[in-house]
């Protein structure tokens, strides 16, 4: 009888150990909400709240909400930014804090844009397709140390979309302008047509 009691106690203890070993492990992963991150403004990406410069981000939702025809229409809604349309050819350039446009640098995915006369903002903003933009970052203040002499008043960084929701995309745009040529007999302004066909190889 004594042997049976010991065997019974052993079986009970072994069963409890097995049940404890098979108990599922509780998931202890904690979800952390990250703040909004910018790409430029410092040497590495960081939160807007930690940036030493005044940074404004125009999201894709903001762009859609404004329903602008081009980038010039979107930027014209923001303080300290001046969009200057040309009455001769319809081009639109941008500057900040009243300084000349050559002191305001424009980037696309951190790569400087090159205009007709070299680096700077001598870029026709009306030719930048809003459909390709994910967000726009505006960094106010002198950035000459990290981005060169033509970034005295600030930087405009255009972040493009990284992937497509569909495998194939076809975009077509037509733009007709008569800026400064309304009454010219043979000069009817600019006629701009663009067709873009893209294939997403990662789909």
Protein backbone atom coordinates (compact mmCIF):
# COMPACT_ATOMS: atom_id res chain seq x y z
CA UNK A 1 0.00 0.00 0.00
CA UNK A 2 2.90 2.29 0.73
CA UNK A 3 4.36 1.68 -2.71
CA UNK A 4 1.08 2.52 -4.41
CA UNK A 5 0.83 5.80 -2.47
CA UNK A 6 4.31 6.86 -3.58
CA UNK A 7 3.53 5.95 -7.16
CA UNK A 8 0.32 7.96 -7.01
CA UNK A 9 2.10 11.02 -5.63
CA UNK A 10 4.76 10.73 -8.33
CA UNK A 11 2.15 10.59 -11.07
CA UNK A 12 0.32 13.62 -9.66
CA UNK A 13 3.53 15.66 -9.48
CA UNK A 14 4.61 14.65 -12.99
CA UNK A 15 1.19 15.58 -14.39
CA UNK A 16 1.36 19.03 -12.78
CA UNK A 17 4.84 19.62 -14.20
CA UNK A 18 3.69 18.56 -17.69
CA UNK A 19 0.67 20.88 -17.54
CA UNK A 20 2.92 23.75 -16.44
CA UNK A 21 5.36 23.08 -19.27
CA UNK A 22 2.57 23.08 -21.85
CA UNK A 23 1.00 26.33 -20.63
CA UNK A 24 0.99 28.83 -23.52
CA UNK A 25 3.34 31.79 -23.24
CA UNK A 26 1.57 35.14 -23.07
CA UNK A 27 2.57 37.60 -25.81
CA UNK A 28 4.32 40.54 -24.18
CA UNK A 29 4.91 42.65 -27.30
CA UNK A 30 4.07 46.29 -26.61
CA UNK A 31 2.91 48.46 -29.48
CA UNK A 32 4.56 51.89 -29.59
CA UNK A 33 3.18 54.74 -31.64
CA UNK A 34 6.00 56.56 -33.40
CA UNK A 35 5.88 60.27 -34.12
CA UNK A 36 5.93 61.78 -37.58
CA UNK A 37 9.35 61.32 -39.18
CA UNK A 38 11.01 63.59 -41.69
CA UNK A 39 13.80 62.69 -44.06
CA UNK A 40 15.67 65.98 -44.27
CA UNK A 41 16.53 68.77 -41.86
CA UNK A 42 19.26 66.87 -40.04
CA UNK A 43 21.96 64.33 -40.81
CA UNK A 44 19.52 61.46 -40.26
CA UNK A 45 15.72 60.98 -40.12
CA UNK A 46 14.14 62.07 -36.88
CA UNK A 47 10.91 63.25 -35.34
CA UNK A 48 9.64 66.71 -36.22
CA UNK A 49 9.48 67.53 -32.51
CA UNK A 50 13.23 66.94 -32.15
CA UNK A 51 14.27 68.96 -35.19
CA UNK A 52 16.18 72.19 -34.54
CA UNK A 53 14.53 73.70 -37.64
CA UNK A 54 10.93 74.58 -38.26
CA UNK A 55 9.62 71.68 -40.34
CA UNK A 56 6.24 71.50 -42.05
CA UNK A 57 4.96 68.36 -43.73
CA UNK A 58 2.29 68.41 -46.44
CA UNK A 59 0.82 64.93 -46.51
CA UNK A 60 -0.85 63.14 -49.41
CA UNK A 61 -4.20 63.81 -47.75
CA UNK A 62 -3.43 67.55 -47.61
CA UNK A 63 -2.57 67.56 -51.31
CA UNK A 64 -5.80 65.80 -52.23
CA UNK A 65 -7.82 68.12 -49.99
CA UNK A 66 -6.48 71.24 -51.71
CA UNK A 67 -7.27 69.86 -55.18
CA UNK A 68 -4.46 71.85 -56.80
CA UNK A 69 -3.60 71.48 -60.47
CA UNK A 70 0.14 71.47 -59.86
CA UNK A 71 2.78 71.89 -57.18
CA UNK A 72 2.70 75.68 -57.47
CA UNK A 73 -0.99 75.71 -56.49
CA UNK A 74 -0.26 73.63 -53.39
CA UNK A 75 2.73 75.65 -52.15
CA UNK A 76 0.93 78.95 -52.72
CA UNK A 77 -1.29 78.17 -49.70
CA UNK A 78 1.53 78.20 -47.13
CA UNK A 79 3.04 81.04 -45.13
CA UNK A 80 6.57 82.33 -45.87
CA UNK A 81 6.53 80.72 -49.32
CA UNK A 82 6.23 82.89 -52.41
CA UNK A 83 5.28 81.40 -55.77
CA UNK A 84 6.17 83.62 -58.71
CA UNK A 85 4.42 82.86 -62.00
CA UNK A 86 6.07 84.17 -65.15
CA UNK A 87 3.92 86.22 -67.50
CA UNK A 88 6.08 85.30 -70.48
CA UNK A 89 6.23 81.51 -70.49
CA UNK A 90 3.88 80.47 -67.67
CA UNK A 91 6.63 79.01 -65.50
CA UNK A 92 6.28 79.16 -61.71
CA UNK A 93 9.23 79.35 -59.32
CA UNK A 94 9.27 79.41 -55.53
CA UNK A 95 11.21 81.30 -52.86
CA UNK A 96 11.09 81.68 -49.08
CA UNK A 97 11.25 84.62 -46.65
CA UNK A 98 11.39 87.09 -49.53
CA UNK A 99 14.88 86.00 -50.60
CA UNK A 100 15.66 85.24 -54.20
CA UNK A 101 14.79 81.76 -55.41
CA UNK A 102 18.44 80.82 -55.86
CA UNK A 103 18.73 80.62 -52.07
CA UNK A 104 15.93 78.07 -51.71
CA UNK A 105 16.84 74.49 -52.58
CA UNK A 106 14.45 71.92 -54.04
CA UNK A 107 15.07 68.20 -53.61
CA UNK A 108 13.29 65.11 -54.87
CA UNK A 109 13.89 62.18 -52.50
CA UNK A 110 16.91 64.09 -51.10
CA UNK A 111 18.43 64.55 -54.58
CA UNK A 112 18.83 68.20 -55.74
CA UNK A 113 16.88 69.23 -58.81
CA UNK A 114 18.79 70.90 -61.62
CA UNK A 115 17.14 73.73 -63.52
CA UNK A 116 17.93 75.47 -66.78
CA UNK A 117 20.65 77.58 -65.17
CA UNK A 118 22.02 75.05 -62.69
CA UNK A 119 21.20 74.10 -59.12
CA UNK A 120 18.58 76.02 -57.23
CA UNK A 121 14.90 76.44 -57.68
CA UNK A 122 14.86 77.43 -61.33
CA UNK A 123 12.43 74.58 -61.84
CA UNK A 124 9.03 74.96 -63.42
CA UNK A 125 6.82 73.77 -60.58
CA UNK A 126 3.88 73.32 -62.92
CA UNK A 127 5.70 70.38 -64.54
CA UNK A 128 5.93 68.31 -61.34
CA UNK A 129 3.16 65.72 -61.33
CA UNK A 130 1.21 65.82 -58.07
CA UNK A 131 0.11 62.20 -58.53
CA UNK A 132 3.71 61.05 -57.98
CA UNK A 133 4.09 62.86 -54.64
CA UNK A 134 3.64 61.08 -51.31
CA UNK A 135 4.43 64.08 -49.12
CA UNK A 136 6.23 67.43 -49.19
CA UNK A 137 8.66 68.54 -46.49
CA UNK A 138 9.40 72.23 -45.98
CA UNK A 139 12.43 72.98 -43.78
CA UNK A 140 12.74 76.65 -42.87
CA UNK A 141 16.05 78.24 -41.96
CA UNK A 142 19.64 78.16 -43.11
CA UNK A 143 20.77 74.72 -44.28
CA UNK A 144 23.95 75.85 -46.00
CA UNK A 145 26.26 73.74 -43.82
CA UNK A 146 24.64 70.46 -44.84
CA UNK A 147 23.10 71.29 -48.24
CA UNK A 148 25.24 74.01 -49.82
CA UNK A 149 25.17 77.77 -50.33
CA UNK A 150 21.86 77.76 -52.23
CA UNK A 151 19.97 76.49 -49.16
CA UNK A 152 20.17 79.72 -47.16
CA UNK A 153 16.44 80.28 -46.67
CA UNK A 154 15.41 76.63 -46.51
CA UNK A 155 14.74 73.39 -48.35
CA UNK A 156 11.78 71.88 -50.13
CA UNK A 157 12.00 68.09 -50.22
CA UNK A 158 9.51 66.22 -52.40
CA UNK A 159 9.01 62.60 -51.32
CA UNK A 160 7.68 60.44 -54.14
CA UNK A 161 5.54 57.33 -53.88
CA UNK A 162 7.63 54.21 -53.40
CA UNK A 163 5.23 51.61 -54.77
CA UNK A 164 2.13 51.27 -56.85
CA UNK A 165 -1.18 49.77 -55.77
CA UNK A 166 -1.63 48.21 -59.21
CA UNK A 167 0.71 46.34 -61.52
CA UNK A 168 0.21 48.72 -64.43
CA UNK A 169 -0.44 52.46 -64.37
CA UNK A 170 -1.20 54.77 -67.29
CA UNK A 171 -1.48 58.52 -66.75
CA UNK A 172 -2.21 61.17 -69.36
CA UNK A 173 -2.26 64.93 -68.81
CA UNK A 174 -3.06 67.84 -71.10
CA UNK A 175 -2.32 71.44 -70.14
CA UNK A 176 -3.11 74.49 -72.22
CA UNK A 177 -1.87 77.92 -71.17
CA UNK A 178 -2.21 81.37 -72.71
CA UNK A 179 -0.30 83.33 -70.09
CA UNK A 180 0.78 86.63 -71.63
CA UNK A 181 -0.36 85.55 -75.10
CA UNK A 182 -4.11 86.06 -75.03
CA UNK A 183 -4.13 88.52 -77.90
CA UNK A 184 -1.19 87.25 -79.96
CA UNK A 185 -2.14 86.12 -83.45
CA UNK A 186 0.44 83.35 -83.93
CA UNK A 187 1.54 82.72 -80.34
CA UNK A 188 -1.19 80.91 -78.44
CA UNK A 189 0.79 80.09 -75.31
CA UNK A 190 2.11 76.74 -74.16
CA UNK A 191 0.64 73.40 -75.12
CA UNK A 192 1.78 70.62 -72.81
CA UNK A 193 0.90 66.96 -73.19
CA UNK A 194 2.32 64.16 -71.10
CA UNK A 195 1.79 60.41 -71.08
CA UNK A 196 3.28 58.14 -68.40
CA UNK A 197 3.15 54.34 -68.50
CA UNK A 198 4.67 52.47 -65.56
CA UNK A 199 4.93 48.83 -64.55
CA UNK A 200 5.35 47.73 -60.96
CA UNK A 201 7.82 44.81 -61.12
CA UNK A 202 7.43 44.09 -57.39
CA UNK A 203 3.76 43.09 -57.74
